[in-house]
């Protein structure tokens, strides 16, 4: 007599979220360059493995890029404002 009951599926990698997508999204707020790199790696992995988390990885890329460009603009503005305050004799 054979047992035809279906075995429950274990949580495989295709069913779970990509860990790098989550980490990249969080890093986007703290370290923009690291968040960008990790999110891009996560997108590549998701494309190959079919894991969930494409939206998180994409949001990590977008937020990292925006924060990185914003930081560069603010840094240049602060530097030029500081240089304008320097008096030459």
PDB file of N, CA and C in Angstrom:
ATOM      1  N   UNK A   1       0.844  -1.162   0.000  1.00  0.00           N
ATOM      2  CA  UNK A   1       0.000   0.000   0.000  1.00  0.00           C
ATOM      3  C   UNK A   1       0.897   1.235   0.000  1.00  0.00           C
ATOM      4  N   UNK A   2       0.679   2.097  -0.954  1.00  0.00           N
ATOM      5  CA  UNK A   2       1.525   3.276  -1.061  1.00  0.00           C
ATOM      6  C   UNK A   2       0.858   4.474  -0.397  1.00  0.00           C
ATOM      7  N   UNK A   3       1.692   5.352   0.081  1.00  0.00           N
ATOM      8  CA  UNK A   3       1.217   6.559   0.749  1.00  0.00           C
ATOM      9  C   UNK A   3       1.233   7.691  -0.263  1.00  0.00           C
ATOM     10  N   UNK A   4       0.068   8.178  -0.665  1.00  0.00           N
ATOM     11  CA  UNK A   4      -0.033   9.217  -1.685  1.00  0.00           C
ATOM     12  C   UNK A   4      -0.247  10.602  -1.093  1.00  0.00           C
ATOM     13  N   UNK A   5       0.021  10.765   0.174  1.00  0.00           N
ATOM     14  CA  UNK A   5      -0.156  12.087   0.773  1.00  0.00           C
ATOM     15  C   UNK A   5       0.975  13.006   0.329  1.00  0.00           C
ATOM     16  N   UNK A   6       0.639  14.221   0.096  1.00  0.00           N
ATOM     17  CA  UNK A   6       1.631  15.203  -0.367  1.00  0.00           C
ATOM     18  C   UNK A   6       2.516  15.623   0.797  1.00  0.00           C
ATOM     19  N   UNK A   7       3.788  15.666   0.521  1.00  0.00           N
ATOM     20  CA  UNK A   7       4.738  16.128   1.529  1.00  0.00           C
ATOM     21  C   UNK A   7       4.735  17.656   1.537  1.00  0.00           C
ATOM     22  N   UNK A   8       4.740  18.273   2.709  1.00  0.00           N
ATOM     23  CA  UNK A   8       4.797  19.742   2.731  1.00  0.00           C
ATOM     24  C   UNK A   8       6.146  20.220   2.199  1.00  0.00           C
ATOM     25  N   UNK A   9       6.071  21.287   1.421  1.00  0.00           N
ATOM     26  CA  UNK A   9       7.302  21.833   0.859  1.00  0.00           C
ATOM     27  C   UNK A   9       8.076  22.566   1.933  1.00  0.00           C
ATOM     28  N   UNK A  10       9.368  22.350   1.928  1.00  0.00           N
ATOM     29  CA  UNK A  10      10.211  23.101   2.855  1.00  0.00           C
ATOM     30  C   UNK A  10      10.472  24.483   2.268  1.00  0.00           C
ATOM     31  N   UNK A  11      10.831  25.394   3.118  1.00  0.00           N
ATOM     32  CA  UNK A  11      11.110  26.757   2.670  1.00  0.00           C
ATOM     33  C   UNK A  11      12.425  26.756   1.904  1.00  0.00           C
ATOM     34  N   UNK A  12      12.347  26.758   0.601  1.00  0.00           N
ATOM     35  CA  UNK A  12      13.537  26.788  -0.237  1.00  0.00           C
ATOM     36  C   UNK A  12      13.961  28.205  -0.524  1.00  0.00           C
ATOM     37  N   UNK A  13      15.011  28.371  -1.269  1.00  0.00           N
ATOM     38  CA  UNK A  13      15.504  29.715  -1.543  1.00  0.00           C
ATOM     39  C   UNK A  13      14.568  30.487  -2.459  1.00  0.00           C
ATOM     40  N   UNK A  14      13.813  29.791  -3.306  1.00  0.00           N
ATOM     41  CA  UNK A  14      12.919  30.496  -4.218  1.00  0.00           C
ATOM     42  C   UNK A  14      11.734  31.104  -3.479  1.00  0.00           C
ATOM     43  N   UNK A  15      11.370  30.556  -2.324  1.00  0.00           N
ATOM     44  CA  UNK A  15      10.210  31.043  -1.589  1.00  0.00           C
ATOM     45  C   UNK A  15      10.559  32.211  -0.669  1.00  0.00           C
ATOM     46  N   UNK A  16      11.826  32.346  -0.257  1.00  0.00           N
ATOM     47  CA  UNK A  16      12.203  33.370   0.708  1.00  0.00           C
ATOM     48  C   UNK A  16      12.722  34.627   0.053  1.00  0.00           C
ATOM     49  N   UNK A  17      12.866  35.630   0.879  1.00  0.00           N
ATOM     50  CA  UNK A  17      13.429  36.889   0.406  1.00  0.00           C
ATOM     51  C   UNK A  17      14.946  36.783   0.318  1.00  0.00           C
ATOM     52  N   UNK A  18      15.512  37.456  -0.636  1.00  0.00           N
ATOM     53  CA  UNK A  18      16.959  37.516  -0.762  1.00  0.00           C
ATOM     54  C   UNK A  18      17.486  38.384   0.380  1.00  0.00           C
ATOM     55  N   UNK A  19      18.405  37.825   1.143  1.00  0.00           N
ATOM     56  CA  UNK A  19      18.930  38.521   2.316  1.00  0.00           C
ATOM     57  C   UNK A  19      19.672  39.796   1.907  1.00  0.00           C
ATOM     58  N   UNK A  20      20.409  39.732   0.806  1.00  0.00           N
ATOM     59  CA  UNK A  20      21.147  40.921   0.367  1.00  0.00           C
ATOM     60  C   UNK A  20      20.207  42.054  -0.047  1.00  0.00           C
ATOM     61  N   UNK A  21      19.006  41.724  -0.514  1.00  0.00           N
ATOM     62  CA  UNK A  21      18.040  42.771  -0.853  1.00  0.00           C
ATOM     63  C   UNK A  21      17.627  43.534   0.396  1.00  0.00           C
ATOM     64  N   UNK A  22      17.404  42.807   1.473  1.00  0.00           N
ATOM     65  CA  UNK A  22      17.023  43.440   2.740  1.00  0.00           C
ATOM     66  C   UNK A  22      18.185  44.272   3.289  1.00  0.00           C
ATOM     67  N   UNK A  23      19.378  43.676   3.282  1.00  0.00           N
ATOM     68  CA  UNK A  23      20.562  44.375   3.792  1.00  0.00           C
ATOM     69  C   UNK A  23      20.856  45.623   2.945  1.00  0.00           C
ATOM     70  N   UNK A  24      20.758  45.493   1.620  1.00  0.00           N
ATOM     71  CA  UNK A  24      21.006  46.636   0.731  1.00  0.00           C
ATOM     72  C   UNK A  24      20.025  47.767   0.962  1.00  0.00           C
ATOM     73  N   UNK A  25      18.753  47.413   1.211  1.00  0.00           N
ATOM     74  CA  UNK A  25      17.744  48.440   1.472  1.00  0.00           C
ATOM     75  C   UNK A  25      18.061  49.189   2.764  1.00  0.00           C
ATOM     76  N   UNK A  26      18.456  48.455   3.797  1.00  0.00           N
ATOM     77  CA  UNK A  26      18.795  49.094   5.073  1.00  0.00           C
ATOM     78  C   UNK A  26      20.058  49.941   4.935  1.00  0.00           C
ATOM     79  N   UNK A  27      21.060  49.409   4.231  1.00  0.00           N
ATOM     80  CA  UNK A  27      22.312  50.157   4.057  1.00  0.00           C
ATOM     81  C   UNK A  27      22.125  51.429   3.233  1.00  0.00           C
ATOM     82  N   UNK A  28      21.090  51.475   2.412  1.00  0.00           N
ATOM     83  CA  UNK A  28      20.834  52.672   1.607  1.00  0.00           C
ATOM     84  C   UNK A  28      20.658  53.908   2.484  1.00  0.00           C
ATOM     85  N   UNK A  29      20.115  53.708   3.680  1.00  0.00           N
ATOM     86  CA  UNK A  29      19.883  54.833   4.582  1.00  0.00           C
ATOM     87  C   UNK A  29      21.106  55.188   5.407  1.00  0.00           C
ATOM     88  N   UNK A  30      22.027  54.244   5.578  1.00  0.00           N
ATOM     89  CA  UNK A  30      23.164  54.450   6.464  1.00  0.00           C
ATOM     90  C   UNK A  30      24.439  54.739   5.676  1.00  0.00           C
ATOM     91  N   UNK A  31      24.790  53.839   4.773  1.00  0.00           N
ATOM     92  CA  UNK A  31      25.986  53.963   3.936  1.00  0.00           C
ATOM     93  C   UNK A  31      25.555  53.801   2.482  1.00  0.00           C
ATOM     94  N   UNK A  32      25.389  54.918   1.794  1.00  0.00           N
ATOM     95  CA  UNK A  32      24.802  54.898   0.457  1.00  0.00           C
ATOM     96  C   UNK A  32      25.597  54.055  -0.538  1.00  0.00           C
ATOM     97  N   UNK A  33      26.913  54.196  -0.545  1.00  0.00           N
ATOM     98  CA  UNK A  33      27.710  53.450  -1.512  1.00  0.00           C
ATOM     99  C   UNK A  33      27.625  51.946  -1.256  1.00  0.00           C
ATOM    100  N   UNK A  34      27.711  51.543  -0.008  1.00  0.00           N
ATOM    101  CA  UNK A  34      27.587  50.118   0.328  1.00  0.00           C
ATOM    102  C   UNK A  34      26.194  49.606  -0.008  1.00  0.00           C
ATOM    103  N   UNK A  35      25.178  50.401   0.251  1.00  0.00           N
ATOM    104  CA  UNK A  35      23.809  50.020  -0.082  1.00  0.00           C
ATOM    105  C   UNK A  35      23.611  49.834  -1.571  1.00  0.00           C
ATOM    106  N   UNK A  36      24.236  50.698  -2.357  1.00  0.00           N
ATOM    107  CA  UNK A  36      24.144  50.591  -3.810  1.00  0.00           C
ATOM    108  C   UNK A  36      24.795  49.304  -4.300  1.00  0.00           C
ATOM    109  N   UNK A  37      25.976  49.017  -3.808  1.00  0.00           N
ATOM    110  CA  UNK A  37      26.707  47.823  -4.247  1.00  0.00           C
ATOM    111  C   UNK A  37      25.960  46.556  -3.839  1.00  0.00           C
ATOM    112  N   UNK A  38      25.522  46.485  -2.594  1.00  0.00           N
ATOM    113  CA  UNK A  38      24.828  45.293  -2.101  1.00  0.00           C
ATOM    114  C   UNK A  38      23.496  45.105  -2.824  1.00  0.00           C
ATOM    115  N   UNK A  39      22.786  46.183  -3.084  1.00  0.00           N
ATOM    116  CA  UNK A  39      21.508  46.084  -3.790  1.00  0.00           C
ATOM    117  C   UNK A  39      21.695  45.627  -5.225  1.00  0.00           C
ATOM    118  N   UNK A  40      22.743  46.079  -5.879  1.00  0.00           N
ATOM    119  CA  UNK A  40      23.016  45.620  -7.237  1.00  0.00           C
ATOM    120  C   UNK A  40      23.370  44.130  -7.261  1.00  0.00           C
ATOM    121  N   UNK A  41      24.133  43.688  -6.275  1.00  0.00           N
ATOM    122  CA  UNK A  41      24.448  42.262  -6.177  1.00  0.00           C
ATOM    123  C   UNK A  41      23.166  41.461  -5.930  1.00  0.00           C
ATOM    124  N   UNK A  42      22.298  41.984  -5.081  1.00  0.00           N
ATOM    125  CA  UNK A  42      21.034  41.309  -4.790  1.00  0.00           C
ATOM    126  C   UNK A  42      20.175  41.196  -6.043  1.00  0.00           C
ATOM    127  N   UNK A  43      20.112  42.255  -6.847  1.00  0.00           N
ATOM    128  CA  UNK A  43      19.344  42.191  -8.093  1.00  0.00           C
ATOM    129  C   UNK A  43      19.881  41.109  -9.016  1.00  0.00           C
ATOM    130  N   UNK A  44      21.191  41.003  -9.091  1.00  0.00           N
ATOM    131  CA  UNK A  44      21.805  39.973  -9.924  1.00  0.00           C
ATOM    132  C   UNK A  44      21.453  38.576  -9.412  1.00  0.00           C
ATOM    133  N   UNK A  45      21.533  38.379  -8.105  1.00  0.00           N
ATOM    134  CA  UNK A  45      21.204  37.076  -7.530  1.00  0.00           C
ATOM    135  C   UNK A  45      19.735  36.731  -7.731  1.00  0.00           C
ATOM    136  N   UNK A  46      18.863  37.711  -7.554  1.00  0.00           N
ATOM    137  CA  UNK A  46      17.423  37.477  -7.707  1.00  0.00           C
ATOM    138  C   UNK A  46      17.106  37.084  -9.144  1.00  0.00           C
ATOM    139  N   UNK A  47      17.766  37.705 -10.081  1.00  0.00           N
ATOM    140  CA  UNK A  47      17.554  37.377 -11.491  1.00  0.00           C
ATOM    141  C   UNK A  47      17.945  35.922 -11.774  1.00  0.00           C
ATOM    142  N   UNK A  48      19.015  35.439 -11.135  1.00  0.00           N
ATOM    143  CA  UNK A  48      19.493  34.068 -11.361  1.00  0.00           C
ATOM    144  C   UNK A  48      18.669  33.030 -10.604  1.00  0.00           C
ATOM    145  N   UNK A  49      18.309  33.337  -9.348  1.00  0.00           N
ATOM    146  CA  UNK A  49      17.696  32.330  -8.490  1.00  0.00           C
ATOM    147  C   UNK A  49      16.177  32.402  -8.441  1.00  0.00           C
ATOM    148  N   UNK A  50      15.595  33.537  -8.790  1.00  0.00           N
ATOM    149  CA  UNK A  50      14.146  33.679  -8.723  1.00  0.00           C
ATOM    150  C   UNK A  50      13.620  33.946  -7.328  1.00  0.00           C
ATOM    151  N   UNK A  51      14.493  34.325  -6.409  1.00  0.00           N
ATOM    152  CA  UNK A  51      14.061  34.637  -5.053  1.00  0.00           C
ATOM    153  C   UNK A  51      13.179  35.874  -5.041  1.00  0.00           C
ATOM    154  N   UNK A  52      12.500  36.060  -3.934  1.00  0.00           N
ATOM    155  CA  UNK A  52      11.696  37.268  -3.756  1.00  0.00           C
ATOM    156  C   UNK A  52      12.598  38.396  -3.286  1.00  0.00           C
ATOM    157  N   UNK A  53      12.132  39.630  -3.417  1.00  0.00           N
ATOM    158  CA  UNK A  53      12.888  40.775  -2.934  1.00  0.00           C
ATOM    159  C   UNK A  53      13.348  41.706  -4.030  1.00  0.00           C
ATOM    160  N   UNK A  54      12.831  41.513  -5.242  1.00  0.00           N
ATOM    161  CA  UNK A  54      13.238  42.383  -6.356  1.00  0.00           C
ATOM    162  C   UNK A  54      12.898  43.840  -6.065  1.00  0.00           C
ATOM    163  N   UNK A  55      11.716  44.080  -5.493  1.00  0.00           N
ATOM    164  CA  UNK A  55      11.302  45.443  -5.168  1.00  0.00           C
ATOM    165  C   UNK A  55      12.183  46.086  -4.107  1.00  0.00           C
ATOM    166  N   UNK A  56      12.553  45.307  -3.094  1.00  0.00           N
ATOM    167  CA  UNK A  56      13.444  45.831  -2.058  1.00  0.00           C
ATOM    168  C   UNK A  56      14.808  46.179  -2.629  1.00  0.00           C
ATOM    169  N   UNK A  57      15.333  45.288  -3.466  1.00  0.00           N
ATOM    170  CA  UNK A  57      16.644  45.540  -4.059  1.00  0.00           C
ATOM    171  C   UNK A  57      16.594  46.763  -4.976  1.00  0.00           C
ATOM    172  N   UNK A  58      15.532  46.876  -5.745  1.00  0.00           N
ATOM    173  CA  UNK A  58      15.395  48.027  -6.642  1.00  0.00           C
ATOM    174  C   UNK A  58      15.245  49.322  -5.843  1.00  0.00           C
ATOM    175  N   UNK A  59      14.467  49.283  -4.776  1.00  0.00           N
ATOM    176  CA  UNK A  59      14.337  50.457  -3.904  1.00  0.00           C
ATOM    177  C   UNK A  59      15.678  50.807  -3.269  1.00  0.00           C
ATOM    178  N   UNK A  60      16.452  49.787  -2.905  1.00  0.00           N
ATOM    179  CA  UNK A  60      17.785  50.030  -2.342  1.00  0.00           C
ATOM    180  C   UNK A  60      18.695  50.716  -3.336  1.00  0.00           C
ATOM    181  N   UNK A  61      18.630  50.302  -4.603  1.00  0.00           N
ATOM    182  CA  UNK A  61      19.449  50.937  -5.642  1.00  0.00           C
ATOM    183  C   UNK A  61      19.037  52.394  -5.831  1.00  0.00           C
ATOM    184  N   UNK A  62      17.737  52.625  -5.929  1.00  0.00           N
ATOM    185  CA  UNK A  62      17.241  53.990  -6.181  1.00  0.00           C
ATOM    186  C   UNK A  62      17.560  54.911  -4.998  1.00  0.00           C
ATOM    187  N   UNK A  63      17.248  54.450  -3.785  1.00  0.00           N
ATOM    188  CA  UNK A  63      17.518  55.288  -2.610  1.00  0.00           C
ATOM    189  C   UNK A  63      19.011  55.543  -2.434  1.00  0.00           C
ATOM    190  N   UNK A  64      19.816  54.519  -2.641  1.00  0.00           N
ATOM    191  CA  UNK A  64      21.267  54.694  -2.508  1.00  0.00           C
ATOM    192  C   UNK A  64      21.784  55.718  -3.501  1.00  0.00           C
ATOM    193  N   UNK A  65      21.317  55.634  -4.744  1.00  0.00           N
ATOM    194  CA  UNK A  65      21.765  56.572  -5.773  1.00  0.00           C
ATOM    195  C   UNK A  65      21.339  58.001  -5.425  1.00  0.00           C
ATOM    196  N   UNK A  66      20.111  58.162  -4.975  1.00  0.00           N
ATOM    197  CA  UNK A  66      19.613  59.500  -4.620  1.00  0.00           C
ATOM    198  C   UNK A  66      20.398  60.074  -3.438  1.00  0.00           C
ATOM    199  N   UNK A  67      20.596  59.258  -2.393  1.00  0.00           N
ATOM    200  CA  UNK A  67      21.329  59.728  -1.224  1.00  0.00           C
ATOM    201  C   UNK A  67      22.798  59.994  -1.550  1.00  0.00           C
ATOM    202  N   UNK A  68      23.370  59.183  -2.420  1.00  0.00           N
ATOM    203  CA  UNK A  68      24.771  59.378  -2.802  1.00  0.00           C
ATOM    204  C   UNK A  68      24.946  60.676  -3.576  1.00  0.00           C
ATOM    205  N   UNK A  69      24.085  60.910  -4.555  1.00  0.00           N
ATOM    206  CA  UNK A  69      24.163  62.156  -5.329  1.00  0.00           C
ATOM    207  C   UNK A  69      23.859  63.358  -4.436  1.00  0.00           C
ATOM    208  N   UNK A  70      22.858  63.227  -3.578  1.00  0.00           N
ATOM    209  CA  UNK A  70      22.534  64.314  -2.642  1.00  0.00           C
ATOM    210  C   UNK A  70      23.690  64.627  -1.709  1.00  0.00           C
ATOM    211  N   UNK A  71      24.350  63.599  -1.226  1.00  0.00           N
ATOM    212  CA  UNK A  71      25.508  63.803  -0.350  1.00  0.00           C
ATOM    213  C   UNK A  71      26.651  64.493  -1.057  1.00  0.00           C
ATOM    214  N   UNK A  72      26.862  64.119  -2.314  1.00  0.00           N
ATOM    215  CA  UNK A  72      27.922  64.770  -3.096  1.00  0.00           C
ATOM    216  C   UNK A  72      27.596  66.245  -3.310  1.00  0.00           C
ATOM    217  N   UNK A  73      26.344  66.530  -3.636  1.00  0.00           N
ATOM    218  CA  UNK A  73      25.932  67.926  -3.857  1.00  0.00           C
ATOM    219  C   UNK A  73      26.072  68.740  -2.571  1.00  0.00           C
ATOM    220  N   UNK A  74      25.641  68.174  -1.460  1.00  0.00           N
ATOM    221  CA  UNK A  74      25.760  68.879  -0.179  1.00  0.00           C
ATOM    222  C   UNK A  74      27.225  69.069   0.196  1.00  0.00           C
ATOM    223  N   UNK A  75      28.054  68.057  -0.059  1.00  0.00           N
ATOM    224  CA  UNK A  75      29.483  68.175   0.235  1.00  0.00           C
ATOM    225  C   UNK A  75      30.159  69.256  -0.586  1.00  0.00           C
ATOM    226  N   UNK A  76      29.832  69.326  -1.861  1.00  0.00           N
ATOM    227  CA  UNK A  76      30.413  70.360  -2.725  1.00  0.00           C
ATOM    228  C   UNK A  76      29.934  71.742  -2.281  1.00  0.00           C
ATOM    229  N   UNK A  77      28.645  71.849  -1.944  1.00  0.00           N
ATOM    230  CA  UNK A  77      28.103  73.137  -1.493  1.00  0.00           C
ATOM    231  C   UNK A  77      28.765  73.603  -0.195  1.00  0.00           C
ATOM    232  N   UNK A  78      28.938  72.666   0.731  1.00  0.00           N
ATOM    233  CA  UNK A  78      29.567  73.030   2.004  1.00  0.00           C
ATOM    234  C   UNK A  78      31.023  73.421   1.795  1.00  0.00           C
ATOM    235  N   UNK A  79      31.724  72.716   0.927  1.00  0.00           N
ATOM    236  CA  UNK A  79      33.122  73.045   0.655  1.00  0.00           C
ATOM    237  C   UNK A  79      33.254  74.417   0.009  1.00  0.00           C
ATOM    238  N   UNK A  80      32.393  74.686  -0.976  1.00  0.00           N
ATOM    239  CA  UNK A  80      32.492  75.980  -1.644  1.00  0.00           C
ATOM    240  C   UNK A  80      32.059  77.115  -0.719  1.00  0.00           C
ATOM    241  N   UNK A  81      31.100  76.872   0.160  1.00  0.00           N
ATOM    242  CA  UNK A  81      30.695  77.898   1.112  1.00  0.00           C
ATOM    243  C   UNK A  81      31.814  78.150   2.119  1.00  0.00           C
ATOM    244  N   UNK A  82      32.498  77.100   2.517  1.00  0.00           N
ATOM    245  CA  UNK A  82      33.622  77.249   3.429  1.00  0.00           C
ATOM    246  C   UNK A  82      34.775  77.994   2.786  1.00  0.00           C
ATOM    247  N   UNK A  83      35.015  77.715   1.521  1.00  0.00           N
ATOM    248  CA  UNK A  83      36.096  78.396   0.810  1.00  0.00           C
ATOM    249  C   UNK A  83      35.760  79.870   0.591  1.00  0.00           C
ATOM    250  N   UNK A  84      34.466  80.194   0.496  1.00  0.00           N
ATOM    251  CA  UNK A  84      34.079  81.587   0.313  1.00  0.00           C
ATOM    252  C   UNK A  84      34.321  82.385   1.583  1.00  0.00           C
ATOM    253  N   UNK A  85      34.337  81.727   2.707  1.00  0.00           N
ATOM    254  CA  UNK A  85      34.557  82.402   3.984  1.00  0.00           C
ATOM    255  C   UNK A  85      36.028  82.667   4.264  1.00  0.00           C
ATOM    256  N   UNK A  86      36.897  81.984   3.551  1.00  0.00           N
ATOM    257  CA  UNK A  86      38.339  82.141   3.763  1.00  0.00           C
ATOM    258  C   UNK A  86      38.755  83.487   3.191  1.00  0.00           C
ATOM    259  N   UNK A  87      39.423  84.280   4.021  1.00  0.00           N
ATOM    260  CA  UNK A  87      39.891  85.591   3.558  1.00  0.00           C
ATOM    261  C   UNK A  87      41.367  85.481   3.184  1.00  0.00           C
ATOM    262  N   UNK A  88      41.687  86.030   2.069  1.00  0.00           N
ATOM    263  CA  UNK A  88      43.084  86.053   1.655  1.00  0.00           C
ATOM    264  C   UNK A  88      43.635  87.472   1.869  1.00  0.00           C
ATOM    265  N   UNK A  89      44.857  87.557   2.323  1.00  0.00           N
ATOM    266  CA  UNK A  89      45.475  88.864   2.580  1.00  0.00           C
ATOM    267  C   UNK A  89      46.558  89.131   1.580  1.00  0.00           C
TER     268      UNK A  89
END
